[in-house]
Amino acid sequence: MNASLNPSYSNEVTAEFLRSLDTPHFTEERLAQFCEESLAVVRQGQAYVDAHPAHSIYRIATEGSLTRDGGVIQQGTARLVFTLESGQEVRAAQKGDYAVYADGRRAQIVTGAGQENSHVALVGSRLCNGDEIINTLQGGFLIVGREGVPMVEDFLPSIKEEEHQ
């Protein structure tokens, strides 16, 4: 896999990007064409977003994701597959997959998005050796953290919490 041909993405985004996640998807002109039931669903969703603005994102890690200490996720085992801008397909990584280092060492991913999210690995997931995934090759699929809405209990737990489970 030649990750250098594809851009990489982190969880660092601008305030403008976060605000864009809360922007309504439909114009008022388009909403005027909706049936009452559909309009109610859209309005309810927008009210939720307005009450809980985006404050962070967590991108899904994939094959080719890098770790802080130079590891590379070589094989993802999650069911999610992404097609990159280059046309290359990469599979999402998940808790239990490995990063491989230049010297041949391997370290297992020990934290992820939690059972409710199929334990997919994230930028920010920790490895058994204390390393951390720092980027991903896919930039479109992410989990949004919202004000006042807690993440699932097993979402990116600290290594110490994970060791005691």
Protein backbone atom coordinates (compact mmCIF):
# COMPACT_ATOMS: atom_id res chain seq x y z
CA MET A 1 0.00 0.00 0.00
CA ASN A 2 1.38 3.38 -0.94
CA ALA A 3 -0.21 5.80 1.49
CA SER A 4 1.83 8.73 0.16
CA LEU A 5 -0.44 8.95 -2.91
CA ASN A 6 -3.46 9.73 -0.74
CA PRO A 7 -3.98 12.70 1.60
CA SER A 8 -4.32 11.96 5.30
CA TYR A 9 -6.81 13.45 7.74
CA SER A 10 -6.71 14.11 11.48
CA ASN A 11 -9.43 15.11 13.95
CA GLU A 12 -8.19 18.71 14.00
CA VAL A 13 -10.72 20.97 12.30
CA THR A 14 -11.61 24.63 12.35
CA ALA A 15 -14.53 26.18 14.19
CA GLU A 16 -15.93 26.98 10.74
CA PHE A 17 -15.88 23.28 9.82
CA LEU A 18 -17.70 22.38 13.04
CA ARG A 19 -20.33 25.06 12.34
CA SER A 20 -20.77 23.63 8.83
CA LEU A 21 -21.83 20.32 10.42
CA ASP A 22 -24.79 22.14 11.97
CA THR A 23 -25.91 23.91 8.80
CA PRO A 24 -29.40 22.96 7.63
CA HIS A 25 -29.37 20.58 4.67
CA PHE A 26 -32.46 22.04 2.99
CA THR A 27 -33.39 25.57 1.96
CA GLU A 28 -36.72 27.01 3.06
CA GLU A 29 -37.85 26.84 -0.57
CA ARG A 30 -37.12 23.12 -0.68
CA LEU A 31 -38.76 22.54 2.72
CA ALA A 32 -41.94 24.18 1.40
CA GLN A 33 -42.24 21.20 -0.98
CA PHE A 34 -42.09 18.57 1.81
CA CYS A 35 -45.16 16.82 3.14
CA GLU A 36 -46.06 17.67 6.75
CA GLU A 37 -44.66 14.43 8.14
CA SER A 38 -41.29 14.83 6.41
CA LEU A 39 -41.12 18.49 7.36
CA ALA A 40 -41.72 17.59 11.02
CA VAL A 41 -38.85 15.07 10.94
CA VAL A 42 -36.46 17.58 9.36
CA ARG A 43 -37.45 20.33 11.82
CA GLN A 44 -37.01 17.96 14.76
CA GLY A 45 -33.55 17.00 13.54
CA GLN A 46 -32.53 20.63 13.10
CA ALA A 47 -33.84 21.51 16.58
CA TYR A 48 -31.62 18.74 18.00
CA VAL A 49 -28.58 20.09 16.11
CA ASP A 50 -29.36 23.65 17.26
CA ALA A 51 -29.61 22.50 20.89
CA HIS A 52 -26.43 20.39 20.66
CA PRO A 53 -23.85 22.08 18.43
CA ALA A 54 -20.88 20.08 17.16
CA HIS A 55 -17.76 20.48 19.31
CA SER A 56 -15.46 17.74 17.96
CA ILE A 57 -15.06 15.04 15.35
CA TYR A 58 -13.58 11.56 15.35
CA ARG A 59 -12.55 10.14 11.98
CA ILE A 60 -12.63 6.40 11.26
CA ALA A 61 -9.11 4.91 10.98
CA THR A 62 -8.33 2.79 7.93
CA GLU A 63 -5.62 0.68 6.41
CA GLY A 64 -2.75 3.10 5.86
CA SER A 65 -3.48 5.11 9.01
CA LEU A 66 -0.34 6.17 10.85
CA THR A 67 0.49 6.17 14.54
CA ARG A 68 2.40 8.81 16.48
CA ASP A 69 5.42 6.48 16.81
CA GLY A 70 5.59 5.45 13.15
CA GLY A 71 3.31 2.43 12.98
CA VAL A 72 1.03 1.77 10.01
CA ILE A 73 -2.31 -0.03 10.05
CA GLN A 74 -1.67 -2.57 7.30
CA GLN A 75 -4.88 -4.59 7.38
CA GLY A 76 -8.27 -3.44 8.63
CA THR A 77 -10.86 -6.06 9.50
CA ALA A 78 -14.03 -3.98 9.93
CA ARG A 79 -16.85 -4.34 7.41
CA LEU A 80 -16.64 -0.69 6.32
CA VAL A 81 -14.76 -0.10 3.06
CA PHE A 82 -13.96 3.37 1.74
CA THR A 83 -13.08 4.40 -1.79
CA LEU A 84 -10.47 7.15 -1.67
CA GLU A 85 -10.20 10.03 -4.14
CA SER A 86 -7.48 8.06 -5.94
CA GLY A 87 -9.94 5.19 -6.49
CA GLN A 88 -8.09 2.93 -4.03
CA GLU A 89 -10.30 1.01 -1.60
CA VAL A 90 -9.31 0.75 2.07
CA ARG A 91 -11.01 -1.14 4.88
CA ALA A 92 -11.73 0.45 8.24
CA ALA A 93 -9.64 -0.72 11.18
CA GLN A 94 -11.18 -1.87 14.44
CA LYS A 95 -10.23 -2.72 17.98
CA GLY A 96 -8.03 -5.84 17.81
CA ASP A 97 -6.30 -4.92 14.52
CA TYR A 98 -2.57 -4.17 14.48
CA ALA A 99 -0.16 -1.41 13.56
CA VAL A 100 3.15 -2.61 12.11
CA TYR A 101 6.39 -0.70 12.67
CA ALA A 102 9.43 -0.45 10.38
CA ASP A 103 11.42 -2.77 12.66
CA GLY A 104 8.73 -5.47 12.42
CA ARG A 105 7.14 -4.88 15.83
CA ARG A 106 3.34 -5.04 16.01
CA ALA A 107 0.97 -3.34 18.42
CA GLN A 108 -2.72 -4.08 18.81
CA ILE A 109 -5.43 -1.40 18.75
CA VAL A 110 -7.07 -1.52 22.19
CA THR A 111 -9.59 1.36 22.09
CA GLY A 112 -12.18 2.43 19.56
CA ALA A 113 -15.64 3.87 19.10
CA GLY A 114 -17.27 1.33 21.41
CA GLN A 115 -19.42 -1.75 20.98
CA GLU A 116 -22.41 0.29 19.82
CA ASN A 117 -20.22 1.53 16.95
CA SER A 118 -18.81 -1.93 16.07
CA HIS A 119 -15.53 -1.10 17.85
CA VAL A 120 -14.24 0.75 14.77
CA ALA A 121 -10.85 2.33 15.34
CA LEU A 122 -10.62 6.10 15.29
CA VAL A 123 -7.98 8.73 14.92
CA GLY A 124 -7.20 8.93 18.64
CA SER A 125 -7.49 5.17 19.28
CA ARG A 126 -4.76 3.83 21.56
CA LEU A 127 -2.55 0.80 20.99
CA CYS A 128 -1.35 -1.71 23.55
CA ASN A 129 2.13 -0.12 23.60
CA GLY A 130 0.79 3.36 24.46
CA ASP A 131 1.00 4.61 20.87
CA GLU A 132 -1.95 6.42 19.25
CA ILE A 133 -3.45 6.58 15.75
CA ILE A 134 -2.88 10.12 14.46
CA ASN A 135 -4.46 10.14 10.98
CA THR A 136 -6.51 8.27 8.42
CA LEU A 137 -6.68 8.09 4.64
CA GLN A 138 -10.44 8.76 4.49
CA GLY A 139 -11.82 12.18 5.24
CA GLY A 140 -15.56 11.79 4.81
CA PHE A 141 -16.83 9.36 7.44
CA LEU A 142 -16.71 10.67 10.99
CA ILE A 143 -18.44 10.62 14.33
CA VAL A 144 -19.55 14.02 15.63
CA GLY A 145 -19.25 14.99 19.29
CA ARG A 146 -22.09 17.29 20.34
CA GLU A 147 -22.49 19.60 23.34
CA GLY A 148 -24.55 18.01 26.09
CA VAL A 149 -24.61 14.58 24.41
CA PRO A 150 -22.31 12.03 26.06
CA MET A 151 -20.49 9.47 23.95
CA VAL A 152 -21.20 5.80 24.66
CA GLU A 153 -19.47 4.60 27.82
CA ASP A 154 -16.79 2.57 26.01
CA PHE A 155 -15.95 5.30 23.46
CA LEU A 156 -12.15 5.80 23.43
CA PRO A 157 -11.62 4.78 27.07
CA SER A 158 -8.24 5.45 28.63
CA ILE A 159 -5.76 2.58 28.54
CA LYS A 160 -6.04 2.15 32.33
CA GLU A 161 -9.84 1.80 32.13
CA GLU A 162 -9.45 -0.71 29.28
CA GLU A 163 -6.94 -2.85 31.26
CA HIS A 164 -9.48 -3.29 34.05
CA GLN A 165 -12.35 -4.50 31.86
